[in-house]
Every structure is written in structure tokens, then in C-alpha cells.
Amino acid sequence: MTWFLQASAAVYLASGLGALLGLLLPSARLLRGATSGLALGAVLQGLVFATLHERSPVPSLTDLPQIIAFMVWISAIGLVVLNFRFRLGGLVAVMGPVAFLAVFVSGLNWGGNSPPISGGSLPHIHILLSSSGLGLLGICGLVGFFYLLEHRRLKRKRPVSRRFQWPSLEALDQVGIVCLVIGFTLLSLGLLTGAAWVRDSQGQLWTGSSHAMWTLVAWLIYAGLLGLRILGRQGARQAAATAVGGFLFLLFAVLGVGAFQ
């Protein structure tokens, strides 16, 4: 499993560097290769998760580094799948290095012993659903960021090389909507299973902890954002900006606050 871990980290980093070169040159061939590299890195990281039971002690999916690694893995898979419909190779320049850091840090955490978690399978179901939702909402924030960059470029009428076909604003917006809907649904299911876990372990649905409070606020924000998009009361540029801000807030609420408890 150690070989899979090191290989996935190396491939992720190489894919990010390849995508960056593809943006700078520009080269569509390099971007396609970088996307393929990201897919290979996701496969290798999947083998890492599949062989976790061979470690001693077995790393728990409830550990924060493992949560981040799983979240980034879902983001990488989502980006590769969406690339079949939209040209998103440029986003690998960000996703590759982020995935490399997530895998590297999660590997450093394997030496510690995790305290036992009560609740049976509920904690892991909660983590898997919530992390998957975070991963897709992360793509939503990422495409929102690139949407703002592309919108600014077009507004300033800066030319782009004909050899490089960058995703259109419409394509980036569509990707953001898809990731917002699916990510919010998975995050909602994660909150429900989390409440069931708390009820089974502590006898109550609501603990009133700062982590629970901030997470609920972040969920309400995303519920509002989704409602605005469905009702058509928010333009694409405003939606892109709020997607970036919303994900940063959600990341702080779910991971940042929880890390200091």
C-alpha cells in the first residue's frame, strides 16, 4: 500500500505541473495528458483506500487527514468524469498539487493510534457522504473561481491562443450547477447520518457544539444558494462568486472548526 500512496502522490504532482505547462505554453496535448495523469492518480489513491486494512494500526476514515484525502479523491474523480463532457484540463493545475498535498499529509498520519469510535457503521457513512459532498462542492468553488478569471479576461478583451480551447463561461456555469446540486444532496445526507450517529452515541440529535453550529450555518447558506439558482434569481457571475465564498466558509465550518475541538 505504501507504494500506491507514493505513486499516487507523485502522479498527482506530475499532472498538476503538466497542466500548468499546458496553460502557459499553451498546449491542448499537455492538458489532455495532465487529465489522464489525474485519472491515474485517482486510481492509485483508490487502491490506497482499498488496502487500508493491511496497515497496522488501520487508519480510521474519521481522522481529519483521511477525511481530507477522501474529499480530494472524490474531487479528482468528479473532475475527470466531468472532463468527458467539458474541457476542464486547466483545472488540473490546481487539483493536482492539492491532491498531492492531501495524499502526502494523510500518509504522515498513519503512524498514530486513533481512539475507537462508537456508533458502528454510522460514523463512516457520515464521513463518506459528507466528504463526497465537500469534494463536489469544492469543484463547484473551483469552477466558480475560474469562471471569474475567464469573465475578467473577456471583459478586458485579452486574446487567447487558438491552439488552446478553454472552457466557455456557459460550460463552467453548467459544471457549477451540477456539482452544487449533487454536492448539496450528499452533504445533506451526511448531516442526517451525523445526527443519527450523535443520537445513538449521546442520546440526543443536537449537541450544540461549535462544529455543529458552524456546519448548520454553512448548510443553510448552500440551501439558499441552491434556491437562488433554481429560481433563477442569481446570475452566473454572482453564482460563481458565492460558490467560491460558500466553499471557503464550508471548509472552515466542517474542517477548520472541527480540527480545534
Foldseek 3Di string as FASTA:
>chain_A
DVVLLVVLLVLLQVLLVLLVPCQVVPAPVSLVVSLVSLVVSLVSVVVVVVCQVVDVVRDDCLDLLNLQLLLLSLLSVLQSVLCVVWPPSNLSNVSSNSNSVSSVVSVVPSVDDDDDDDQPCLVVLLSNLQSNLLSLLVLLLSLLVVLLVVVVCVVVPPDDDPNDDDTDNVSSLVSNLVSLVSSLVSNVVSLVSVQVSCCVVPVGSDDPDQLVVLQVVLSVLSVVLNVCVVVVVDDSNRSSVVSNVSSVSNCCSNNVVVVVD
